[in-house]
Protein backbone atom coordinates (compact mmCIF):
# COMPACT_ATOMS: atom_id res chain seq x y z
CA UNK A 1 -16.17 13.94 -32.57
CA UNK A 2 -17.55 15.14 -29.23
CA UNK A 3 -15.12 15.59 -26.34
CA UNK A 4 -17.74 14.70 -23.73
CA UNK A 5 -17.60 11.46 -21.78
CA UNK A 6 -20.89 10.36 -23.35
CA UNK A 7 -18.97 9.57 -26.55
CA UNK A 8 -16.37 7.51 -24.66
CA UNK A 9 -17.42 3.89 -25.10
CA UNK A 10 -14.52 1.56 -24.39
CA UNK A 11 -14.82 -2.06 -25.49
CA UNK A 12 -12.75 -3.33 -22.59
CA UNK A 13 -11.16 -2.28 -19.29
CA UNK A 14 -8.20 -3.67 -17.52
CA UNK A 15 -7.98 -3.80 -13.71
CA UNK A 16 -4.75 -4.69 -11.98
CA UNK A 17 -5.10 -6.03 -8.48
CA UNK A 18 -1.65 -5.60 -6.97
CA UNK A 19 0.68 -8.29 -8.26
CA UNK A 20 -1.67 -9.69 -10.88
CA UNK A 21 -0.42 -7.96 -14.01
CA UNK A 22 2.45 -5.81 -12.59
CA UNK A 23 4.78 -7.30 -10.01
CA UNK A 24 5.08 -4.19 -7.77
CA UNK A 25 6.05 -5.95 -4.52
CA UNK A 26 9.59 -4.53 -4.74
CA UNK A 27 8.08 -0.98 -4.64
CA UNK A 28 6.01 -1.95 -1.59
CA UNK A 29 9.10 -3.39 0.10
CA UNK A 30 11.05 -0.21 -0.56
CA UNK A 31 8.24 2.02 0.74
CA UNK A 32 7.90 0.01 3.97
CA UNK A 33 11.71 -0.06 4.44
CA UNK A 34 11.72 3.78 4.24
CA UNK A 35 8.60 4.02 6.52
CA UNK A 36 10.08 1.90 9.37
CA UNK A 37 13.42 3.72 9.11
CA UNK A 38 11.67 7.12 9.30
CA UNK A 39 9.75 6.03 12.42
CA UNK A 40 12.62 4.37 14.22
CA UNK A 41 11.01 0.88 13.98
CA UNK A 42 12.86 -2.39 13.49
CA UNK A 43 13.90 -3.18 9.97
CA UNK A 44 11.56 -5.27 7.86
CA UNK A 45 12.59 -8.93 7.84
CA UNK A 46 11.42 -11.75 5.61
CA UNK A 47 9.11 -12.90 8.36
CA UNK A 48 7.65 -9.38 8.75
CA UNK A 49 7.07 -9.22 5.08
CA UNK A 50 5.29 -12.57 5.08
CA UNK A 51 3.01 -11.26 7.89
CA UNK A 52 2.22 -8.01 6.04
CA UNK A 53 2.11 -8.96 2.33
CA UNK A 54 -1.38 -8.72 0.97
CA UNK A 55 -2.75 -6.87 3.98
CA UNK A 56 -4.18 -3.42 4.29
CA UNK A 57 -2.45 -0.56 6.14
CA UNK A 58 -4.97 -0.81 8.95
CA UNK A 59 -3.63 -4.35 9.55
CA UNK A 60 0.04 -3.65 8.87
CA UNK A 61 0.70 -0.55 10.98
CA UNK A 62 -0.40 -2.21 14.29
CA UNK A 63 1.97 -5.07 13.51
CA UNK A 64 4.85 -2.67 12.81
CA UNK A 65 4.26 -0.50 15.92
CA UNK A 66 3.21 -3.36 18.24
CA UNK A 67 0.09 -1.46 19.34
CA UNK A 68 -3.28 -0.34 18.22
CA UNK A 69 -3.37 2.57 15.76
CA UNK A 70 -6.07 5.19 15.95
CA UNK A 71 -7.98 6.16 12.83
CA UNK A 72 -6.29 9.54 12.94
CA UNK A 73 -2.80 7.97 13.13
CA UNK A 74 -3.68 5.57 10.30
CA UNK A 75 -4.70 8.47 8.09
CA UNK A 76 -1.56 10.46 8.99
CA UNK A 77 0.66 7.52 8.17
CA UNK A 78 -1.14 6.91 4.86
CA UNK A 79 -0.76 10.59 3.95
CA UNK A 80 3.07 10.55 4.39
CA UNK A 81 5.00 11.03 1.20
């Protein structure tokens, strides 16, 4: 059997759009709780979560900081571990 990708012919593939197959919202909530704490921002509330759930970081960070976020800031926030 060849080890090259040309011999790899799957019959199916599974794609999980967040929350479709795996309920990972608790992990998102924990990550944003840690993020706002680290940046001295107000704690996430149920209302904040409703406003941010399902949105991309470029939409979420301006809501959390209450201001526009530059592309460089956005990238820096996304790169945080």
